[in-house]
C-alpha cells in the first residue's frame, strides 16, 4: 500500500510552503485524494511531479502580459457588467 501524506507532510517532503502544495492540488498538477475531509497525496505522486518531463514543466509556467498605454480594448456591456472583447 502506498504511503499517504497530508498536505503539511507533502510540503515538508517537497521543501515548499503548504500553500504551494495546496495550489498544486487545485491546479491538478499534483494528484490529490480526498480522505474524509482532508486532502492527501502519495510519495509516488510527488516523485512523478518532480521528475516530469521538461516540456510539461514549461507548459505549466505562467506568463504575464501587459498592455501598453496605446492599446485599446473594446468593451461590451452585458447585463450592466463590462466584458472585454
C-alpha atoms as a PDB file:
ATOM      1  CA  UNK A   1       0.000   0.000   0.000  1.00  0.00           C
ATOM      2  CA  UNK A   2       1.235   3.461  -0.872  1.00  0.00           C
ATOM      3  CA  UNK A   3       2.159   5.812   1.945  1.00  0.00           C
ATOM      4  CA  UNK A   4      -0.329   8.686   2.049  1.00  0.00           C
ATOM      5  CA  UNK A   5       0.934  12.122   3.034  1.00  0.00           C
ATOM      6  CA  UNK A   6      -1.068  15.034   4.398  1.00  0.00           C
ATOM      7  CA  UNK A   7      -0.775  18.474   2.850  1.00  0.00           C
ATOM      8  CA  UNK A   8       1.692  19.537   5.557  1.00  0.00           C
ATOM      9  CA  UNK A   9       3.753  16.352   5.189  1.00  0.00           C
ATOM     10  CA  UNK A  10       3.850  16.773   1.415  1.00  0.00           C
ATOM     11  CA  UNK A  11       5.050  20.374   1.795  1.00  0.00           C
ATOM     12  CA  UNK A  12       7.810  19.271   4.166  1.00  0.00           C
ATOM     13  CA  UNK A  13       8.779  16.385   1.850  1.00  0.00           C
ATOM     14  CA  UNK A  14       8.999  18.744  -1.152  1.00  0.00           C
ATOM     15  CA  UNK A  15      10.635  21.572   0.792  1.00  0.00           C
ATOM     16  CA  UNK A  16       7.952  24.123  -0.073  1.00  0.00           C
ATOM     17  CA  UNK A  17       5.243  26.033   1.777  1.00  0.00           C
ATOM     18  CA  UNK A  18       1.911  24.261   2.310  1.00  0.00           C
ATOM     19  CA  UNK A  19       0.147  26.977   0.271  1.00  0.00           C
ATOM     20  CA  UNK A  20       2.279  25.937  -2.715  1.00  0.00           C
ATOM     21  CA  UNK A  21       1.157  22.321  -2.330  1.00  0.00           C
ATOM     22  CA  UNK A  22      -2.457  23.488  -1.988  1.00  0.00           C
ATOM     23  CA  UNK A  23      -2.127  25.392  -5.301  1.00  0.00           C
ATOM     24  CA  UNK A  24      -0.655  22.308  -6.978  1.00  0.00           C
ATOM     25  CA  UNK A  25      -3.603  20.251  -5.724  1.00  0.00           C
ATOM     26  CA  UNK A  26      -6.138  22.796  -7.001  1.00  0.00           C
ATOM     27  CA  UNK A  27      -4.497  23.143 -10.414  1.00  0.00           C
ATOM     28  CA  UNK A  28      -4.281  19.373 -10.829  1.00  0.00           C
ATOM     29  CA  UNK A  29      -0.513  19.426 -11.351  1.00  0.00           C
ATOM     30  CA  UNK A  30      -0.071  17.191  -8.309  1.00  0.00           C
ATOM     31  CA  UNK A  31      -2.509  14.324  -7.796  1.00  0.00           C
ATOM     32  CA  UNK A  32      -4.556  14.604  -4.632  1.00  0.00           C
ATOM     33  CA  UNK A  33      -7.052  12.307  -2.970  1.00  0.00           C
ATOM     34  CA  UNK A  34      -9.737  13.398  -0.543  1.00  0.00           C
ATOM     35  CA  UNK A  35      -9.836  11.189   2.525  1.00  0.00           C
ATOM     36  CA  UNK A  36     -12.703  12.196   4.807  1.00  0.00           C
ATOM     37  CA  UNK A  37     -12.354  15.997   4.831  1.00  0.00           C
ATOM     38  CA  UNK A  38      -8.589  16.094   4.267  1.00  0.00           C
ATOM     39  CA  UNK A  39      -6.543  16.109   1.069  1.00  0.00           C
ATOM     40  CA  UNK A  40      -3.766  13.546   0.752  1.00  0.00           C
ATOM     41  CA  UNK A  41      -1.161  12.592  -1.826  1.00  0.00           C
ATOM     42  CA  UNK A  42       1.408   9.816  -2.129  1.00  0.00           C
ATOM     43  CA  UNK A  43       5.194   9.860  -2.256  1.00  0.00           C
ATOM     44  CA  UNK A  44       4.968   8.280  -5.725  1.00  0.00           C
ATOM     45  CA  UNK A  45       2.757  11.128  -6.981  1.00  0.00           C
ATOM     46  CA  UNK A  46       5.202  13.700  -5.602  1.00  0.00           C
ATOM     47  CA  UNK A  47       8.146  11.972  -7.264  1.00  0.00           C
ATOM     48  CA  UNK A  48       6.225  11.799 -10.563  1.00  0.00           C
ATOM     49  CA  UNK A  49       5.506  15.543 -10.292  1.00  0.00           C
ATOM     50  CA  UNK A  50       9.139  16.391  -9.541  1.00  0.00           C
ATOM     51  CA  UNK A  51      10.533  14.136 -12.299  1.00  0.00           C
ATOM     52  CA  UNK A  52       8.023  15.029 -15.015  1.00  0.00           C
ATOM     53  CA  UNK A  53       9.482  15.869 -18.454  1.00  0.00           C
ATOM     54  CA  UNK A  54      10.841  19.378 -19.071  1.00  0.00           C
ATOM     55  CA  UNK A  55       8.188  20.048 -21.770  1.00  0.00           C
ATOM     56  CA  UNK A  56       5.415  19.621 -19.206  1.00  0.00           C
ATOM     57  CA  UNK A  57       7.204  21.951 -16.794  1.00  0.00           C
ATOM     58  CA  UNK A  58       7.436  24.639 -19.475  1.00  0.00           C
ATOM     59  CA  UNK A  59       3.766  24.220 -20.393  1.00  0.00           C
ATOM     60  CA  UNK A  60       2.608  24.824 -16.826  1.00  0.00           C
ATOM     61  CA  UNK A  61       4.593  28.035 -16.299  1.00  0.00           C
ATOM     62  CA  UNK A  62       2.539  31.170 -16.016  1.00  0.00           C
ATOM     63  CA  UNK A  63       3.194  34.056 -18.313  1.00  0.00           C
ATOM     64  CA  UNK A  64       2.172  37.632 -17.729  1.00  0.00           C
ATOM     65  CA  UNK A  65       1.460  40.143 -20.389  1.00  0.00           C
ATOM     66  CA  UNK A  66       0.966  43.856 -20.010  1.00  0.00           C
ATOM     67  CA  UNK A  67      -0.892  46.209 -22.238  1.00  0.00           C
ATOM     68  CA  UNK A  68       0.828  49.306 -23.474  1.00  0.00           C
ATOM     69  CA  UNK A  69      -0.955  52.592 -22.992  1.00  0.00           C
ATOM     70  CA  UNK A  70      -1.566  52.860 -26.765  1.00  0.00           C
ATOM     71  CA  UNK A  71      -3.603  49.655 -26.884  1.00  0.00           C
ATOM     72  CA  UNK A  72      -7.320  49.995 -26.541  1.00  0.00           C
ATOM     73  CA  UNK A  73      -9.585  47.130 -25.734  1.00  0.00           C
ATOM     74  CA  UNK A  74     -13.211  47.285 -26.865  1.00  0.00           C
ATOM     75  CA  UNK A  75     -15.663  46.864 -24.013  1.00  0.00           C
ATOM     76  CA  UNK A  76     -19.120  45.420 -24.444  1.00  0.00           C
ATOM     77  CA  UNK A  77     -21.581  45.718 -21.578  1.00  0.00           C
ATOM     78  CA  UNK A  78     -23.786  42.707 -20.825  1.00  0.00           C
ATOM     79  CA  UNK A  79     -26.326  42.991 -18.018  1.00  0.00           C
ATOM     80  CA  UNK A  80     -24.573  46.107 -16.792  1.00  0.00           C
ATOM     81  CA  UNK A  81     -21.189  44.396 -16.464  1.00  0.00           C
ATOM     82  CA  UNK A  82     -18.194  45.074 -18.689  1.00  0.00           C
ATOM     83  CA  UNK A  83     -16.966  42.281 -20.955  1.00  0.00           C
ATOM     84  CA  UNK A  84     -13.714  42.799 -22.788  1.00  0.00           C
ATOM     85  CA  UNK A  85     -13.941  41.726 -26.407  1.00  0.00           C
END
